[in-house]
N, C-alpha and C. Protein backbone atom coordinates (compact mmCIF):
# COMPACT_ATOMS: atom_id res chain seq x y z
N MET A 1 -5.49 -66.07 69.18
CA MET A 1 -4.99 -67.08 70.10
C MET A 1 -3.93 -66.72 71.07
N VAL A 2 -3.27 -65.15 70.20
CA VAL A 2 -2.09 -65.17 71.29
C VAL A 2 -2.61 -64.42 72.85
N TYR A 3 -3.73 -63.54 72.38
CA TYR A 3 -4.43 -63.02 73.39
C TYR A 3 -5.34 -63.44 74.15
N ILE A 4 -6.17 -64.77 73.58
CA ILE A 4 -6.52 -65.63 74.22
C ILE A 4 -5.91 -66.49 75.41
N GLY A 5 -4.55 -66.42 75.28
CA GLY A 5 -4.04 -67.11 75.87
C GLY A 5 -2.97 -66.88 77.03
N ALA A 6 -3.04 -65.50 76.38
CA ALA A 6 -2.50 -64.26 77.55
C ALA A 6 -3.57 -64.09 78.60
N ARG A 7 -4.92 -64.32 78.27
CA ARG A 7 -6.01 -63.94 79.55
C ARG A 7 -6.02 -64.89 79.96
N ILE A 8 -5.61 -66.20 79.82
CA ILE A 8 -5.64 -67.06 80.47
C ILE A 8 -4.62 -67.32 81.45
N LEU A 9 -3.65 -66.65 81.02
CA LEU A 9 -2.34 -66.97 81.96
C LEU A 9 -2.34 -65.70 82.78
N PHE A 10 -2.96 -64.50 82.28
CA PHE A 10 -3.39 -63.53 83.23
C PHE A 10 -4.18 -64.00 84.85
N LYS A 11 -5.23 -64.56 83.90
CA LYS A 11 -6.31 -65.20 85.12
C LYS A 11 -5.76 -65.96 86.33
N ARG A 12 -4.88 -66.91 85.76
CA ARG A 12 -4.47 -67.70 86.33
C ARG A 12 -3.52 -67.11 87.88
N THR A 13 -2.64 -66.65 87.46
CA THR A 13 -1.47 -65.85 87.94
C THR A 13 -1.76 -64.78 88.83
N GLY A 14 -2.64 -63.54 88.24
CA GLY A 14 -2.90 -62.58 88.86
C GLY A 14 -1.75 -61.28 88.66
N LEU A 15 -0.50 -61.79 87.95
CA LEU A 15 0.14 -60.96 88.22
C LEU A 15 0.28 -59.94 86.91
N ALA A 16 0.41 -58.68 87.50
CA ALA A 16 0.11 -57.37 86.73
C ALA A 16 0.95 -57.30 85.79
N ILE A 17 2.18 -57.72 85.80
CA ILE A 17 3.25 -57.65 84.11
C ILE A 17 2.83 -58.80 83.31
N LEU A 18 2.22 -59.60 83.91
CA LEU A 18 1.74 -60.41 82.86
C LEU A 18 -0.08 -59.96 81.95
N ASN A 19 -0.18 -58.40 82.42
CA ASN A 19 -1.25 -58.16 81.41
C ASN A 19 -1.39 -58.52 80.02
N PRO A 20 -2.81 -59.18 79.57
CA PRO A 20 -2.98 -59.51 78.13
C PRO A 20 -2.63 -58.67 77.08
N ILE A 21 -2.83 -57.57 77.00
CA ILE A 21 -2.57 -56.84 76.03
C ILE A 21 -0.59 -56.66 75.94
N LEU A 22 -0.28 -56.74 77.25
CA LEU A 22 1.34 -56.22 77.27
C LEU A 22 1.66 -57.80 76.64
N VAL A 23 1.46 -59.20 77.37
CA VAL A 23 2.26 -60.09 76.77
C VAL A 23 1.82 -60.54 75.31
N SER A 24 0.68 -59.98 74.48
CA SER A 24 0.24 -60.14 73.27
C SER A 24 1.34 -59.52 72.24
N VAL A 25 1.37 -58.11 73.10
CA VAL A 25 2.33 -57.32 71.71
C VAL A 25 3.73 -57.91 72.06
N ALA A 26 4.03 -58.22 72.97
CA ALA A 26 5.59 -58.93 73.40
C ALA A 26 5.68 -60.03 72.13
N VAL A 27 4.78 -61.08 72.69
CA VAL A 27 5.04 -62.34 71.85
C VAL A 27 4.70 -61.95 70.30
N LEU A 28 3.94 -61.06 69.55
CA LEU A 28 3.79 -60.72 67.94
C LEU A 28 5.09 -60.53 67.59
N ILE A 29 5.51 -59.28 68.51
CA ILE A 29 7.29 -58.69 67.98
C ILE A 29 8.18 -59.95 67.55
N LEU A 30 8.07 -60.48 69.11
CA LEU A 30 8.78 -61.57 68.92
C LEU A 30 8.87 -62.64 67.85
N PHE A 31 7.40 -62.83 67.41
CA PHE A 31 7.19 -63.72 66.29
C PHE A 31 7.55 -63.05 64.87
N LEU A 32 7.00 -61.91 64.88
CA LEU A 32 7.39 -61.19 63.59
C LEU A 32 8.99 -61.23 63.37
N VAL A 33 9.75 -60.82 64.40
CA VAL A 33 11.46 -60.81 64.14
C VAL A 33 11.85 -62.19 63.87
N LEU A 34 11.37 -63.57 64.73
CA LEU A 34 12.04 -64.67 64.66
C LEU A 34 11.41 -65.17 62.89
N THR A 35 10.41 -64.69 62.23
CA THR A 35 9.92 -64.99 60.99
C THR A 35 10.08 -64.33 59.94
N GLY A 36 10.45 -63.00 60.52
CA GLY A 36 11.48 -62.08 59.39
C GLY A 36 10.09 -61.57 58.70
N VAL A 37 9.04 -61.67 59.24
CA VAL A 37 7.44 -60.96 58.59
C VAL A 37 7.83 -59.42 58.48
N PRO A 38 7.86 -58.84 57.51
CA PRO A 38 8.02 -57.45 57.86
C PRO A 38 6.87 -56.64 57.98
N TYR A 39 7.01 -55.56 58.54
CA TYR A 39 5.77 -54.71 59.74
C TYR A 39 4.99 -54.58 58.27
N GLU A 40 5.02 -53.65 57.01
CA GLU A 40 4.36 -53.93 56.53
C GLU A 40 3.63 -54.61 55.83
N THR A 41 3.94 -55.94 55.90
CA THR A 41 3.10 -57.23 55.44
C THR A 41 1.90 -57.17 56.86
N TYR A 42 2.66 -57.35 57.93
CA TYR A 42 1.78 -57.69 59.03
C TYR A 42 0.45 -56.71 59.04
N THR A 43 0.69 -55.12 58.73
CA THR A 43 -0.08 -54.19 58.98
C THR A 43 -1.03 -54.66 57.94
N GLN A 44 -1.09 -54.64 56.61
CA GLN A 44 -1.62 -54.95 55.65
C GLN A 44 -2.85 -56.30 56.13
N GLY A 45 -2.35 -57.27 56.74
CA GLY A 45 -3.04 -58.29 57.06
C GLY A 45 -3.62 -57.63 58.24
N GLY A 46 -3.54 -56.80 59.35
CA GLY A 46 -4.16 -56.76 60.42
C GLY A 46 -5.17 -55.31 60.04
N GLY A 47 -5.62 -54.89 58.97
CA GLY A 47 -5.85 -53.42 58.25
C GLY A 47 -7.62 -53.67 58.65
N MET A 48 -8.20 -55.01 58.87
CA MET A 48 -9.54 -54.73 59.43
C MET A 48 -9.49 -54.78 60.66
N VAL A 49 -8.62 -55.37 61.51
CA VAL A 49 -8.80 -55.07 62.78
C VAL A 49 -8.80 -53.65 63.14
N GLU A 50 -8.08 -52.83 62.93
CA GLU A 50 -7.63 -51.12 62.70
C GLU A 50 -8.85 -50.76 62.30
N PHE A 51 -9.85 -51.15 61.48
CA PHE A 51 -10.57 -50.46 60.65
C PHE A 51 -12.13 -50.62 62.20
N TRP A 52 -11.70 -51.57 62.39
CA TRP A 52 -13.12 -52.19 63.55
C TRP A 52 -13.12 -51.48 64.83
N LEU A 53 -11.65 -51.15 65.04
CA LEU A 53 -11.46 -50.18 65.71
C LEU A 53 -12.79 -48.84 66.09
N LYS A 54 -12.85 -48.47 65.32
CA LYS A 54 -13.88 -47.19 64.90
C LYS A 54 -15.41 -47.74 65.57
N PRO A 55 -15.93 -48.79 65.15
CA PRO A 55 -17.28 -48.82 65.28
C PRO A 55 -17.03 -49.84 66.64
N ALA A 56 -15.94 -49.88 67.43
CA ALA A 56 -16.26 -50.53 68.63
C ALA A 56 -16.07 -49.76 70.06
N VAL A 57 -15.55 -48.68 69.36
CA VAL A 57 -15.82 -47.82 70.58
C VAL A 57 -16.94 -47.07 70.56
N VAL A 58 -17.80 -47.19 69.73
CA VAL A 58 -19.30 -46.89 69.79
C VAL A 58 -20.23 -48.08 70.48
N ALA A 59 -19.24 -49.06 70.78
CA ALA A 59 -20.12 -50.00 71.36
C ALA A 59 -19.86 -49.67 73.03
N LEU A 60 -19.20 -49.28 73.21
CA LEU A 60 -19.10 -48.67 74.56
C LEU A 60 -20.01 -47.81 75.09
N GLY A 61 -21.10 -47.09 74.14
CA GLY A 61 -22.28 -46.81 74.58
C GLY A 61 -23.56 -47.40 75.23
N VAL A 62 -23.12 -48.83 75.03
CA VAL A 62 -24.17 -49.74 75.68
C VAL A 62 -24.32 -49.37 77.18
N PRO A 63 -23.02 -49.87 77.79
CA PRO A 63 -23.01 -49.52 79.29
C PRO A 63 -23.44 -47.93 79.59
N LEU A 64 -22.93 -47.31 79.17
CA LEU A 64 -23.56 -45.68 79.16
C LEU A 64 -24.98 -45.73 79.48
N TYR A 65 -25.49 -45.95 78.26
CA TYR A 65 -27.07 -46.31 78.56
C TYR A 65 -28.03 -46.83 79.72
N LYS A 66 -27.16 -47.51 80.26
CA LYS A 66 -27.72 -48.51 81.11
C LYS A 66 -27.51 -47.31 82.64
N GLN A 67 -26.33 -46.41 82.50
CA GLN A 67 -26.31 -45.72 83.94
C GLN A 67 -26.63 -44.17 83.56
N LEU A 68 -27.80 -44.24 82.60
CA LEU A 68 -28.37 -42.82 81.82
C LEU A 68 -28.88 -42.03 83.38
N SER A 69 -29.56 -42.36 83.71
CA SER A 69 -30.35 -41.78 84.82
C SER A 69 -29.02 -41.20 85.90
N THR A 70 -28.54 -41.86 86.39
CA THR A 70 -27.10 -41.54 87.55
C THR A 70 -26.38 -40.33 86.56
N ILE A 71 -25.96 -40.39 85.38
CA ILE A 71 -25.26 -39.49 84.84
C ILE A 71 -26.05 -38.32 84.76
N ARG A 72 -26.93 -38.27 84.38
CA ARG A 72 -27.73 -36.71 84.63
C ARG A 72 -28.06 -36.49 85.77
N LYS A 73 -27.79 -36.63 86.96
CA LYS A 73 -27.63 -36.50 88.02
C LYS A 73 -26.13 -35.89 88.04
N GLN A 74 -25.51 -36.25 87.86
CA GLN A 74 -24.23 -35.90 88.02
C GLN A 74 -23.38 -35.15 87.03
N ILE A 75 -23.98 -34.58 86.13
CA ILE A 75 -23.32 -34.19 84.89
C ILE A 75 -22.52 -32.81 84.76
N LEU A 76 -22.57 -31.96 85.97
CA LEU A 76 -22.11 -30.76 85.73
C LEU A 76 -20.53 -31.35 86.60
N PRO A 77 -20.50 -31.94 87.89
CA PRO A 77 -19.28 -32.44 88.40
C PRO A 77 -18.41 -33.39 87.13
N ILE A 78 -18.97 -34.18 86.58
CA ILE A 78 -18.78 -34.99 85.44
C ILE A 78 -17.67 -34.21 84.21
N ILE A 79 -18.54 -33.30 84.05
CA ILE A 79 -17.63 -32.38 82.83
C ILE A 79 -16.73 -31.96 83.21
N ALA A 80 -16.94 -31.24 84.55
CA ALA A 80 -15.96 -30.51 85.31
C ALA A 80 -14.29 -31.45 85.25
N ALA A 81 -14.65 -32.44 86.08
CA ALA A 81 -13.52 -33.29 86.26
C ALA A 81 -13.14 -33.92 85.04
N GLU A 82 -14.04 -33.99 83.89
CA GLU A 82 -13.57 -34.26 82.56
C GLU A 82 -12.70 -33.39 81.96
N LEU A 83 -12.96 -32.16 82.22
CA LEU A 83 -12.25 -30.89 81.36
C LEU A 83 -10.69 -30.98 82.04
N ALA A 84 -10.94 -30.97 83.36
CA ALA A 84 -9.36 -30.90 84.10
C ALA A 84 -8.65 -32.02 83.77
N GLY A 85 -9.21 -33.51 83.52
CA GLY A 85 -8.39 -34.46 83.23
C GLY A 85 -7.56 -34.20 81.95
N CYS A 86 -8.89 -33.81 81.12
CA CYS A 86 -8.37 -33.46 79.84
C CYS A 86 -7.04 -32.63 79.86
N VAL A 87 -7.16 -31.37 80.09
CA VAL A 87 -6.36 -30.44 80.27
C VAL A 87 -4.76 -30.89 80.51
N ALA A 88 -4.91 -31.65 81.99
CA ALA A 88 -4.09 -31.78 82.91
C ALA A 88 -3.02 -32.80 82.00
N GLY A 89 -3.99 -33.65 81.45
CA GLY A 89 -3.25 -34.89 80.46
C GLY A 89 -2.36 -34.48 79.18
N VAL A 90 -2.90 -33.58 78.44
CA VAL A 90 -1.85 -32.66 77.43
C VAL A 90 -0.87 -31.61 77.88
N VAL A 91 -1.20 -31.33 78.74
CA VAL A 91 -0.17 -30.02 79.40
C VAL A 91 0.96 -30.84 80.20
N SER A 92 0.90 -31.80 81.03
CA SER A 92 1.81 -32.47 81.81
C SER A 92 2.39 -33.12 80.99
N VAL A 93 1.51 -33.63 79.49
CA VAL A 93 2.81 -34.65 78.94
C VAL A 93 3.74 -33.91 77.41
N VAL A 94 3.12 -32.32 77.26
CA VAL A 94 3.64 -31.29 76.38
C VAL A 94 5.06 -30.86 77.45
N LEU A 95 4.69 -30.60 78.74
CA LEU A 95 6.06 -29.87 79.61
C LEU A 95 6.82 -31.05 79.81
N LEU A 96 6.57 -32.59 79.95
CA LEU A 96 7.61 -33.44 80.05
C LEU A 96 8.62 -33.43 79.10
N ALA A 97 7.78 -33.55 78.32
CA ALA A 97 8.51 -34.18 76.61
C ALA A 97 9.52 -32.96 76.40
N GLN A 98 8.83 -31.50 76.83
CA GLN A 98 9.59 -30.51 76.30
C GLN A 98 10.74 -30.24 77.17
N ALA A 99 10.94 -30.67 78.61
CA ALA A 99 11.95 -30.83 79.76
C ALA A 99 13.32 -31.98 79.06
N MET A 100 12.59 -32.49 78.64
CA MET A 100 13.37 -33.77 78.21
C MET A 100 13.83 -33.61 76.90
N GLY A 101 14.07 -32.88 75.86
CA GLY A 101 14.51 -32.34 75.01
C GLY A 101 13.52 -32.47 73.91
N ALA A 102 12.74 -33.44 74.02
CA ALA A 102 11.74 -33.95 72.75
C ALA A 102 11.50 -33.15 71.73
N SER A 103 11.63 -33.45 70.49
CA SER A 103 11.53 -32.52 69.40
C SER A 103 10.06 -32.07 68.94
N ARG A 104 9.63 -30.97 68.35
CA ARG A 104 8.38 -30.60 68.07
C ARG A 104 7.38 -31.86 67.72
N GLU A 105 7.81 -32.86 66.63
CA GLU A 105 7.02 -33.69 66.40
C GLU A 105 6.62 -34.31 67.07
N VAL A 106 7.68 -34.73 68.30
CA VAL A 106 7.51 -35.96 69.10
C VAL A 106 6.29 -35.38 70.09
N VAL A 107 6.49 -33.89 70.39
CA VAL A 107 5.70 -33.34 71.35
C VAL A 107 4.13 -33.01 70.72
N LEU A 108 4.51 -33.12 69.78
CA LEU A 108 3.13 -32.92 69.07
C LEU A 108 2.32 -34.38 68.75
N SER A 109 3.38 -35.50 68.79
CA SER A 109 2.55 -36.67 68.70
C SER A 109 2.67 -37.46 69.92
N LEU A 110 2.50 -36.74 71.09
CA LEU A 110 2.48 -37.24 72.57
C LEU A 110 1.28 -36.28 73.00
N ALA A 111 0.68 -35.25 72.60
CA ALA A 111 -0.12 -34.75 73.21
C ALA A 111 -1.47 -35.56 73.43
N SER A 112 -1.79 -36.37 72.53
CA SER A 112 -3.32 -37.03 72.30
C SER A 112 -3.15 -38.04 72.89
N LYS A 113 -2.20 -38.36 74.28
CA LYS A 113 -2.16 -40.03 74.67
C LYS A 113 -2.96 -40.70 75.17
N SER A 114 -3.78 -40.01 75.82
CA SER A 114 -4.79 -40.22 76.64
C SER A 114 -6.01 -41.09 76.16
N VAL A 115 -6.26 -41.05 74.97
CA VAL A 115 -7.51 -41.20 74.05
C VAL A 115 -7.32 -42.36 73.40
N THR A 116 -8.71 -42.86 73.19
CA THR A 116 -8.35 -44.23 71.98
C THR A 116 -7.82 -44.37 70.86
N THR A 117 -6.96 -45.17 70.23
CA THR A 117 -6.27 -44.72 69.33
C THR A 117 -7.13 -44.72 68.04
N PRO A 118 -7.75 -44.66 67.57
CA PRO A 118 -8.68 -43.99 66.21
C PRO A 118 -8.61 -42.52 66.70
N ILE A 119 -9.22 -41.68 67.64
CA ILE A 119 -9.33 -40.37 68.08
C ILE A 119 -7.47 -39.88 67.92
N ALA A 120 -7.13 -40.39 68.97
CA ALA A 120 -5.59 -40.01 68.85
C ALA A 120 -4.53 -39.78 67.80
N MET A 121 -5.09 -40.95 66.78
CA MET A 121 -4.02 -40.82 65.44
C MET A 121 -4.83 -39.61 64.45
N GLU A 122 -5.98 -39.11 64.76
CA GLU A 122 -6.86 -38.14 63.62
C GLU A 122 -6.21 -36.65 64.58
N VAL A 123 -6.33 -36.73 65.90
CA VAL A 123 -6.18 -35.54 66.67
C VAL A 123 -4.21 -35.25 66.09
N THR A 124 -3.46 -36.07 66.36
CA THR A 124 -2.39 -35.87 65.85
C THR A 124 -2.21 -35.29 64.59
N ALA A 125 -2.58 -36.36 63.65
CA ALA A 125 -2.59 -35.70 62.10
C ALA A 125 -3.08 -34.49 61.92
N ALA A 126 -3.96 -33.75 62.34
CA ALA A 126 -4.48 -32.53 62.15
C ALA A 126 -3.88 -31.67 62.88
N VAL A 127 -2.74 -32.00 64.12
CA VAL A 127 -2.15 -30.71 64.26
C VAL A 127 -0.35 -31.18 63.80
N GLY A 128 -0.44 -32.24 63.13
CA GLY A 128 0.91 -32.04 62.20
C GLY A 128 2.01 -32.81 62.82
N GLY A 129 1.98 -34.00 63.68
CA GLY A 129 2.90 -34.89 64.50
C GLY A 129 2.64 -36.07 63.67
N LEU A 130 3.32 -37.22 64.20
CA LEU A 130 3.37 -38.29 63.84
C LEU A 130 2.36 -39.62 64.00
N PRO A 131 1.17 -40.27 63.48
CA PRO A 131 0.46 -41.02 63.79
C PRO A 131 0.92 -42.15 64.14
N PRO A 132 1.56 -42.83 63.91
CA PRO A 132 2.33 -44.43 64.31
C PRO A 132 2.92 -43.96 65.60
N LEU A 133 3.56 -43.11 65.74
CA LEU A 133 4.33 -42.82 66.78
C LEU A 133 3.35 -42.63 67.87
N THR A 134 2.11 -41.74 67.34
CA THR A 134 0.90 -41.90 68.66
C THR A 134 0.45 -43.04 68.85
N ALA A 135 0.42 -44.30 67.83
CA ALA A 135 -0.39 -45.23 68.40
C ALA A 135 0.29 -46.00 69.08
N ALA A 136 1.29 -46.06 69.13
CA ALA A 136 2.27 -46.52 69.76
C ALA A 136 2.70 -46.29 71.01
N VAL A 137 2.17 -44.93 71.33
CA VAL A 137 2.29 -44.43 72.86
C VAL A 137 0.92 -44.79 73.66
N VAL A 138 0.34 -44.67 72.38
CA VAL A 138 -1.68 -44.85 73.07
C VAL A 138 -1.43 -46.36 73.91
N VAL A 139 -0.86 -47.31 73.13
CA VAL A 139 -1.17 -48.62 73.83
C VAL A 139 -0.30 -48.57 74.71
N CYS A 140 0.78 -47.89 74.76
CA CYS A 140 1.84 -48.32 75.87
C CYS A 140 0.85 -47.57 77.11
N VAL A 141 0.23 -46.27 76.87
CA VAL A 141 -0.29 -45.63 78.45
C VAL A 141 -1.54 -46.39 78.70
N GLY A 142 -2.21 -47.03 77.59
CA GLY A 142 -3.40 -47.86 77.82
C GLY A 142 -2.57 -48.89 78.95
N ILE A 143 -1.97 -49.61 78.57
CA ILE A 143 -1.09 -50.56 79.33
C ILE A 143 -1.04 -50.46 80.73
N PHE A 144 -0.07 -49.39 80.83
CA PHE A 144 0.41 -48.94 82.14
C PHE A 144 -0.62 -48.32 83.05
N GLY A 145 -1.72 -48.01 82.43
CA GLY A 145 -3.03 -47.34 83.47
C GLY A 145 -3.60 -48.82 83.78
N GLY A 146 -4.11 -49.44 82.78
CA GLY A 146 -4.34 -50.52 83.41
C GLY A 146 -4.12 -51.44 84.35
N MET A 147 -2.71 -51.72 84.40
CA MET A 147 -1.70 -52.57 84.97
C MET A 147 -2.08 -51.50 86.51
N THR A 148 -1.47 -50.33 86.43
CA THR A 148 -1.30 -49.48 87.78
C THR A 148 -2.37 -48.86 88.60
N GLY A 149 -3.48 -48.35 87.39
CA GLY A 149 -4.66 -47.36 87.72
C GLY A 149 -5.07 -47.61 89.33
N PHE A 150 -5.67 -48.82 89.40
CA PHE A 150 -6.85 -49.34 90.45
C PHE A 150 -5.75 -49.39 91.81
N ARG A 151 -4.60 -49.73 91.68
CA ARG A 151 -3.13 -50.16 92.63
C ARG A 151 -2.98 -48.46 93.04
N VAL A 152 -3.08 -47.25 92.22
CA VAL A 152 -3.00 -46.09 92.80
C VAL A 152 -3.93 -45.32 93.32
N MET A 153 -4.93 -46.04 92.92
CA MET A 153 -6.43 -45.35 93.49
C MET A 153 -6.50 -46.13 94.78
N LYS A 154 -6.19 -47.05 94.85
CA LYS A 154 -6.43 -48.01 96.48
C LYS A 154 -5.19 -46.90 97.49
N MET A 155 -3.98 -46.66 96.98
CA MET A 155 -3.25 -46.15 97.72
C MET A 155 -3.67 -44.58 98.02
N THR A 156 -4.36 -43.98 96.86
CA THR A 156 -4.99 -42.68 97.48
C THR A 156 -6.27 -42.56 98.02
N ARG A 157 -6.66 -43.95 98.25
CA ARG A 157 -8.07 -43.71 99.13
C ARG A 157 -9.33 -43.13 98.02
N VAL A 158 -9.21 -43.26 96.97
CA VAL A 158 -10.41 -43.18 96.22
C VAL A 158 -11.13 -44.26 95.98
N LYS A 159 -12.13 -44.32 96.39
CA LYS A 159 -13.20 -45.50 96.52
C LYS A 159 -14.34 -45.13 95.69
N SER A 160 -14.69 -44.00 95.51
CA SER A 160 -15.87 -43.87 94.61
C SER A 160 -16.26 -44.52 93.39
N PRO A 161 -16.94 -45.73 92.92
CA PRO A 161 -17.12 -46.33 91.79
C PRO A 161 -17.14 -45.44 90.50
N MET A 162 -17.65 -44.40 90.83
CA MET A 162 -17.99 -43.21 89.61
C MET A 162 -16.17 -42.27 89.16
N ALA A 163 -15.62 -42.39 90.68
CA ALA A 163 -14.36 -41.90 90.66
C ALA A 163 -13.52 -42.20 89.78
N ARG A 164 -13.41 -43.82 89.99
CA ARG A 164 -12.52 -44.76 89.68
C ARG A 164 -13.09 -45.21 88.47
N GLY A 165 -14.06 -45.30 88.08
CA GLY A 165 -14.41 -45.42 86.54
C GLY A 165 -14.25 -44.25 85.68
N LEU A 166 -14.50 -43.11 85.90
CA LEU A 166 -14.35 -41.57 84.97
C LEU A 166 -12.43 -42.03 84.94
N ALA A 167 -11.57 -42.05 86.26
CA ALA A 167 -10.33 -41.94 86.24
C ALA A 167 -9.78 -42.60 84.95
N MET A 168 -10.39 -43.96 84.82
CA MET A 168 -9.68 -45.20 84.40
C MET A 168 -9.95 -44.73 83.03
N GLY A 169 -11.15 -44.40 82.49
CA GLY A 169 -11.38 -44.23 81.08
C GLY A 169 -10.69 -42.80 80.23
N THR A 170 -10.41 -41.99 81.35
CA THR A 170 -9.85 -40.62 81.00
C THR A 170 -8.58 -40.96 81.25
N ALA A 171 -7.88 -41.57 81.76
CA ALA A 171 -6.10 -41.41 81.97
C ALA A 171 -5.56 -42.29 80.95
N ALA A 172 -6.66 -43.74 80.60
CA ALA A 172 -6.13 -45.01 80.16
C ALA A 172 -6.84 -45.48 78.89
N HIS A 173 -7.77 -45.13 78.53
CA HIS A 173 -8.91 -45.05 77.47
C HIS A 173 -9.40 -46.26 77.50
N ALA A 174 -9.21 -47.17 76.26
CA ALA A 174 -10.27 -47.81 76.01
C ALA A 174 -9.29 -49.38 76.93
N LEU A 175 -8.54 -49.40 76.92
CA LEU A 175 -7.34 -50.42 77.59
C LEU A 175 -7.83 -50.28 79.07
N GLY A 176 -7.96 -48.85 79.65
CA GLY A 176 -8.35 -48.76 81.15
C GLY A 176 -9.78 -49.16 81.30
N THR A 177 -10.46 -48.90 80.30
CA THR A 177 -12.25 -49.00 80.33
C THR A 177 -12.27 -50.74 80.68
N THR A 178 -11.60 -51.45 79.69
CA THR A 178 -11.33 -52.79 79.86
C THR A 178 -11.20 -53.44 81.60
N ALA A 179 -10.03 -52.66 81.98
CA ALA A 179 -9.77 -53.24 83.43
C ALA A 179 -10.57 -52.71 84.07
N ALA A 180 -11.34 -51.32 84.18
CA ALA A 180 -12.55 -51.42 84.92
C ALA A 180 -13.45 -52.36 85.09
N ILE A 181 -13.60 -52.92 83.90
CA ILE A 181 -15.13 -53.59 83.51
C ILE A 181 -14.63 -54.96 84.17
N GLU A 182 -13.38 -55.67 84.06
CA GLU A 182 -12.99 -56.58 84.58
C GLU A 182 -12.76 -56.43 86.26
N HIS A 183 -12.79 -55.26 86.73
CA HIS A 183 -12.54 -55.19 87.90
C HIS A 183 -13.94 -55.07 88.83
N GLY A 184 -14.96 -54.15 88.14
CA GLY A 184 -15.84 -53.88 89.01
C GLY A 184 -16.79 -54.49 88.11
N GLY A 185 -17.02 -55.01 86.95
CA GLY A 185 -18.45 -55.18 86.34
C GLY A 185 -18.97 -53.81 85.39
N SER A 186 -20.19 -53.91 85.33
CA SER A 186 -20.87 -52.80 83.99
C SER A 186 -20.64 -52.09 84.61
N ARG A 187 -20.91 -51.55 86.29
CA ARG A 187 -21.17 -50.33 87.18
C ARG A 187 -19.47 -49.54 86.52
N TYR A 188 -18.41 -50.14 87.32
CA TYR A 188 -17.00 -49.63 86.74
C TYR A 188 -17.19 -49.16 85.41
N GLY A 189 -17.71 -50.37 84.26
CA GLY A 189 -17.54 -50.41 83.11
C GLY A 189 -18.10 -49.09 82.50
N ALA A 190 -19.15 -48.73 83.05
CA ALA A 190 -19.96 -47.65 82.40
C ALA A 190 -19.37 -46.36 82.62
N TRP A 191 -19.06 -46.22 83.73
CA TRP A 191 -18.53 -44.85 83.94
C TRP A 191 -16.97 -44.00 83.51
N ALA A 192 -16.32 -45.56 82.83
CA ALA A 192 -15.14 -45.63 82.46
C ALA A 192 -15.34 -44.95 81.29
N SER A 193 -16.28 -46.16 80.12
CA SER A 193 -17.04 -45.49 78.52
C SER A 193 -16.98 -44.29 78.99
N LEU A 194 -17.73 -43.75 79.86
CA LEU A 194 -18.06 -42.17 79.72
C LEU A 194 -17.01 -41.46 79.86
N GLY A 195 -16.00 -42.05 80.23
CA GLY A 195 -14.46 -41.20 80.81
C GLY A 195 -13.50 -40.96 79.35
N LEU A 196 -13.85 -42.07 78.82
CA LEU A 196 -13.15 -42.27 77.51
C LEU A 196 -13.68 -41.56 76.49
N THR A 197 -15.10 -41.61 76.65
CA THR A 197 -15.87 -40.95 75.42
C THR A 197 -15.52 -39.30 75.61
N LEU A 198 -15.55 -38.41 76.75
CA LEU A 198 -15.95 -37.35 77.08
C LEU A 198 -14.12 -37.05 76.67
N ASN A 199 -13.34 -37.56 77.25
CA ASN A 199 -11.55 -37.04 77.42
C ASN A 199 -11.40 -37.42 75.55
N GLY A 200 -12.05 -38.19 74.93
CA GLY A 200 -12.03 -38.09 73.72
C GLY A 200 -12.53 -37.13 73.07
N LEU A 201 -13.61 -36.89 73.48
CA LEU A 201 -14.42 -35.45 72.65
C LEU A 201 -13.48 -34.15 72.92
N PHE A 202 -13.02 -33.90 74.27
CA PHE A 202 -12.91 -32.76 74.80
C PHE A 202 -11.11 -32.63 74.26
N THR A 203 -10.48 -33.94 74.16
CA THR A 203 -8.69 -33.70 74.01
C THR A 203 -9.06 -33.63 72.18
N ALA A 204 -9.97 -34.06 71.18
CA ALA A 204 -10.16 -33.29 70.09
C ALA A 204 -10.30 -31.72 69.67
N LEU A 205 -11.26 -31.47 70.87
CA LEU A 205 -11.49 -29.94 70.76
C LEU A 205 -10.73 -28.99 71.14
N LEU A 206 -10.09 -29.53 72.26
CA LEU A 206 -8.98 -28.32 72.79
C LEU A 206 -7.59 -29.07 72.31
N THR A 207 -7.18 -29.56 71.95
CA THR A 207 -5.85 -29.96 72.02
C THR A 207 -5.50 -28.72 71.21
N PRO A 208 -5.37 -28.44 69.83
CA PRO A 208 -5.06 -27.76 68.73
C PRO A 208 -4.58 -26.25 69.74
N THR A 209 -6.00 -25.65 70.49
CA THR A 209 -5.90 -24.76 71.38
C THR A 209 -4.39 -24.84 72.34
N LEU A 210 -4.35 -25.65 72.72
CA LEU A 210 -4.01 -25.99 74.12
C LEU A 210 -2.53 -25.77 73.50
N LEU A 211 -2.24 -26.47 72.50
CA LEU A 211 -1.17 -26.63 71.99
C LEU A 211 -0.44 -25.07 71.24
N ALA A 212 -1.37 -24.60 70.93
CA ALA A 212 -1.01 -22.90 70.37
C ALA A 212 -0.79 -22.08 71.48
N VAL A 213 -1.53 -21.84 72.50
CA VAL A 213 -1.37 -21.57 73.89
C VAL A 213 0.21 -21.84 74.33
N MET A 214 0.77 -23.23 74.49
CA MET A 214 1.68 -23.44 74.63
C MET A 214 2.93 -23.03 73.56
N GLY A 215 2.96 -22.72 72.52
CA GLY A 215 3.85 -22.56 71.35
C GLY A 215 3.86 -23.57 70.68
N TYR A 216 2.90 -24.41 70.01
CA TYR A 216 3.02 -25.20 69.41
C TYR A 216 2.47 -24.73 68.05
């Protein structure tokens, strides 16, 4: 109910700060604080939502299938771009966290920040980080990317639907994909879904190696 109301508010105002996910999170936090409901109780009630995150990611294959012929023609540059995006995403956040004095556990928890929550939490658990911290950071990254992604690409004159969609899916996972669909329909959404999927795959495969090379 909160999310539906937040979407209506966002559509009527068009203000980026009123992103439906951001508003929903803020309202739910306020609700839990005011009512005194423990977070553990809330997570029990939301267990089914967390469970359905995994098959929901699989559903993103539908727009991909619709663009399959185009994807086949561009497969090499797509893979090259996704590998670059994956490596840049992991390395940049690790270096930034190091520079700001983050502990080892925090650094490990931030490494997979740009992939969708189920994948990010599994990667973090595998490398010895804190999955709950990763989940929170992933949401923040998705909200920020959804709010600012297209504005940044407009300023940098990135106009290709393929480039825009891939960038949103790669940098801001499912929330970026949602923003891409709302911005440009299924054409943008297909590329964003591909970016989300490939970055999730590459991040799961490469993060342990990248962390090891960087001394973790």
